[in-house]
């Protein structure tokens, strides 16, 4: 009788965060694909399953309840965090990922399909080239973009979630209470009418 296959390492770390059910399976498939692509495409510096979960999923969990039901637009999606991770945690979201770099765009398309969310739109455009409808929620990680540049992408009254550095204050935007997220900060802003 053949030896049993080792348990998928991402699953154990995801379950330790309290993730279960379909999101557990979807995130496991996404992270396994990311691990396979990482040697060829610069997607993350995280090298182990524990590091990938800690860097790409754990910081997004505090934000899972924040997006309004409906359209979510993720700018500079790169490795899929936070946009694809939120799509896998929240199937009620209509997610569009924006990624101008070809190899990362190709990864995101395959990752959305493999994780069970083939309807996630993955567009190979920069934020300033996006011509679709504005979103109810906009996410941004590791990019420093001026708030006025983001206004056309977000409905009036919509929420911007920033993972990382605080953007410079701008008229027409109200900062909401910041939330501590694993490995960094989660900042939220409302676009005023």
Protein backbone atom coordinates (compact mmCIF):
# COMPACT_ATOMS: atom_id res chain seq x y z
CA UNK A 1 0.00 0.00 0.00
CA UNK A 2 1.45 3.45 -0.92
CA UNK A 3 2.34 5.88 1.82
CA UNK A 4 -0.34 8.53 2.46
CA UNK A 5 0.26 11.87 0.83
CA UNK A 6 1.35 14.65 3.18
CA UNK A 7 -1.39 17.08 4.10
CA UNK A 8 -1.31 20.32 2.08
CA UNK A 9 0.77 22.65 4.31
CA UNK A 10 -1.23 25.84 3.65
CA UNK A 11 -4.44 24.21 4.89
CA UNK A 12 -3.06 23.71 8.40
CA UNK A 13 -1.96 27.35 8.72
CA UNK A 14 -5.23 28.67 7.28
CA UNK A 15 -7.28 26.50 9.63
CA UNK A 16 -5.26 27.88 12.55
CA UNK A 17 -6.61 31.33 11.60
CA UNK A 18 -10.17 30.00 11.94
CA UNK A 19 -10.82 29.70 8.19
CA UNK A 20 -13.07 26.78 7.32
CA UNK A 21 -15.46 25.45 4.69
CA UNK A 22 -15.19 26.52 1.06
CA UNK A 23 -12.91 29.52 1.79
CA UNK A 24 -10.41 27.08 3.33
CA UNK A 25 -10.31 24.95 0.18
CA UNK A 26 -10.24 27.96 -2.15
CA UNK A 27 -7.42 29.69 -0.28
CA UNK A 28 -5.47 26.42 -0.10
CA UNK A 29 -5.69 26.03 -3.91
CA UNK A 30 -4.70 29.68 -4.46
CA UNK A 31 -1.66 29.47 -2.18
CA UNK A 32 -0.52 26.14 -3.64
CA UNK A 33 -0.62 27.66 -7.13
CA UNK A 34 1.21 30.75 -5.89
CA UNK A 35 3.93 28.51 -4.42
CA UNK A 36 4.27 26.73 -7.77
CA UNK A 37 4.50 29.98 -9.76
CA UNK A 38 6.74 31.89 -7.34
CA UNK A 39 10.07 30.45 -8.58
CA UNK A 40 9.30 31.75 -12.12
CA UNK A 41 7.39 34.95 -11.34
CA UNK A 42 8.30 37.38 -8.57
CA UNK A 43 5.03 37.22 -6.63
CA UNK A 44 6.12 37.27 -2.99
CA UNK A 45 9.17 37.04 -0.78
CA UNK A 46 7.34 34.52 1.43
CA UNK A 47 9.02 31.16 0.90
CA UNK A 48 7.17 28.77 3.23
CA UNK A 49 3.51 27.92 3.64
CA UNK A 50 3.47 29.60 7.05
CA UNK A 51 5.01 32.78 5.62
CA UNK A 52 2.59 32.89 2.67
CA UNK A 53 -0.41 32.59 5.00
CA UNK A 54 1.04 35.19 7.40
CA UNK A 55 1.85 37.71 4.65
CA UNK A 56 -0.98 37.24 2.15
CA UNK A 57 -4.02 36.04 4.11
CA UNK A 58 -3.72 37.00 7.81
CA UNK A 59 -3.55 40.78 7.16
CA UNK A 60 -6.68 40.58 4.99
CA UNK A 61 -8.87 38.74 7.51
CA UNK A 62 -9.66 41.88 9.58
CA UNK A 63 -10.95 43.49 6.38
CA UNK A 64 -13.19 40.61 5.27
CA UNK A 65 -16.34 42.15 6.75
CA UNK A 66 -15.62 45.71 5.54
CA UNK A 67 -16.40 45.62 1.80
CA UNK A 68 -20.00 46.46 0.94
CA UNK A 69 -21.80 43.74 -0.98
CA UNK A 70 -21.32 44.34 -4.70
CA UNK A 71 -18.40 45.50 -6.81
CA UNK A 72 -14.87 45.49 -5.37
CA UNK A 73 -11.94 46.81 -7.40
CA UNK A 74 -8.37 45.86 -6.40
CA UNK A 75 -5.56 48.05 -7.78
CA UNK A 76 -2.18 46.52 -8.57
CA UNK A 77 -3.30 43.03 -7.62
CA UNK A 78 0.10 41.40 -8.17
CA UNK A 79 0.03 38.23 -6.08
CA UNK A 80 -3.71 38.35 -5.34
CA UNK A 81 -3.64 39.90 -1.89
CA UNK A 82 -5.90 41.54 -0.86
CA UNK A 83 -8.29 41.42 -3.86
CA UNK A 84 -8.35 37.73 -4.72
CA UNK A 85 -8.12 36.75 -1.05
CA UNK A 86 -11.25 38.84 -0.35
CA UNK A 87 -12.99 37.23 -3.34
CA UNK A 88 -12.27 33.80 -1.87
CA UNK A 89 -13.44 34.82 1.60
CA UNK A 90 -16.54 36.66 0.33
CA UNK A 91 -18.31 35.02 -2.65
CA UNK A 92 -20.94 37.79 -2.53
CA UNK A 93 -18.38 40.28 -3.89
CA UNK A 94 -18.07 41.04 -7.62
CA UNK A 95 -14.30 41.37 -7.78
CA UNK A 96 -12.18 42.97 -10.49
CA UNK A 97 -8.40 42.75 -10.22
CA UNK A 98 -6.24 45.32 -12.03
CA UNK A 99 -2.70 44.18 -12.85
CA UNK A 100 -0.70 45.69 -15.74
CA UNK A 101 2.27 43.28 -15.64
CA UNK A 102 1.71 40.34 -18.00
CA UNK A 103 3.11 37.47 -15.94
CA UNK A 104 1.30 38.55 -12.79
CA UNK A 105 -1.90 39.08 -14.79
CA UNK A 106 -1.55 35.52 -16.17
CA UNK A 107 -1.02 34.18 -12.65
CA UNK A 108 -4.11 35.96 -11.32
CA UNK A 109 -6.31 34.61 -14.12
CA UNK A 110 -5.16 31.06 -13.42
CA UNK A 111 -5.38 31.51 -9.63
CA UNK A 112 -8.98 32.78 -9.77
CA UNK A 113 -9.97 29.79 -11.91
CA UNK A 114 -8.06 27.23 -9.83
CA UNK A 115 -9.49 28.62 -6.57
CA UNK A 116 -13.06 28.29 -7.83
CA UNK A 117 -13.85 31.93 -8.71
CA UNK A 118 -13.51 31.99 -12.53
CA UNK A 119 -15.94 34.92 -12.69
CA UNK A 120 -13.41 37.22 -11.00
CA UNK A 121 -12.42 39.72 -13.70
CA UNK A 122 -8.67 40.11 -14.16
CA UNK A 123 -7.80 43.10 -16.33
CA UNK A 124 -4.34 43.90 -17.63
CA UNK A 125 -4.56 47.65 -17.05
CA UNK A 126 -3.27 50.27 -14.66
CA UNK A 127 -5.73 52.07 -12.39
CA UNK A 128 -5.64 55.18 -14.59
CA UNK A 129 -6.62 53.09 -17.66
CA UNK A 130 -9.65 51.44 -16.08
CA UNK A 131 -12.86 52.38 -17.89
CA UNK A 132 -15.39 50.18 -16.09
CA UNK A 133 -18.02 51.25 -13.60
CA UNK A 134 -16.88 52.58 -10.21
CA UNK A 135 -16.81 50.15 -7.31
CA UNK A 136 -18.46 50.22 -3.90
CA UNK A 137 -15.14 49.12 -2.38
CA UNK A 138 -11.61 49.81 -3.57
CA UNK A 139 -8.54 48.00 -2.21
CA UNK A 140 -4.90 48.97 -2.42
CA UNK A 141 -1.76 47.32 -1.05
CA UNK A 142 1.87 48.43 -1.20
CA UNK A 143 1.12 51.25 -3.63
CA UNK A 144 1.28 54.95 -2.91
CA UNK A 145 -1.38 56.67 -4.99
CA UNK A 146 -2.93 60.08 -4.32
CA UNK A 147 -6.52 59.90 -3.13
CA UNK A 148 -7.82 62.28 -5.84
CA UNK A 149 -6.49 59.84 -8.49
CA UNK A 150 -8.63 57.09 -6.97
CA UNK A 151 -11.90 59.06 -6.82
CA UNK A 152 -13.14 58.08 -10.34
CA UNK A 153 -12.79 54.39 -9.41
CA UNK A 154 -15.03 54.56 -6.36
CA UNK A 155 -18.72 55.39 -5.97
CA UNK A 156 -19.60 58.40 -3.83
CA UNK A 157 -19.92 57.07 -0.29
CA UNK A 158 -17.77 54.05 -1.20
CA UNK A 159 -14.97 52.71 0.97
CA UNK A 160 -11.25 52.57 0.22
CA UNK A 161 -9.24 49.97 2.14
CA UNK A 162 -5.49 50.63 2.24
CA UNK A 163 -3.07 47.95 3.38
CA UNK A 164 0.16 49.74 4.16
CA UNK A 165 1.21 53.39 4.17
CA UNK A 166 -1.26 56.14 4.97
CA UNK A 167 -2.08 58.23 1.90
CA UNK A 168 -1.83 62.00 2.13
CA UNK A 169 -5.12 63.58 3.22
CA UNK A 170 -7.22 65.10 0.45
CA UNK A 171 -10.54 66.95 0.22
CA UNK A 172 -13.50 64.70 -0.45
CA UNK A 173 -12.14 61.82 1.63
CA UNK A 174 -12.88 61.00 5.28
CA UNK A 175 -10.65 58.65 7.21
CA UNK A 176 -12.42 56.01 9.25
CA UNK A 177 -10.99 54.38 12.36
CA UNK A 178 -7.81 52.48 11.56
CA UNK A 179 -7.72 48.81 12.41
CA UNK A 180 -4.71 46.84 13.48
CA UNK A 181 -4.08 44.06 11.01
CA UNK A 182 -1.55 41.30 11.25
CA UNK A 183 1.80 42.50 9.89
CA UNK A 184 0.77 46.10 9.33
CA UNK A 185 -2.08 48.54 9.26
CA UNK A 186 -5.44 48.53 7.62
CA UNK A 187 -6.71 52.02 6.90
CA UNK A 188 -10.21 52.82 5.69
CA UNK A 189 -11.48 55.94 3.92
CA UNK A 190 -14.90 57.04 2.69
CA UNK A 191 -15.24 58.93 -0.54
CA UNK A 192 -17.60 61.75 0.19
CA UNK A 193 -20.24 62.84 -2.29
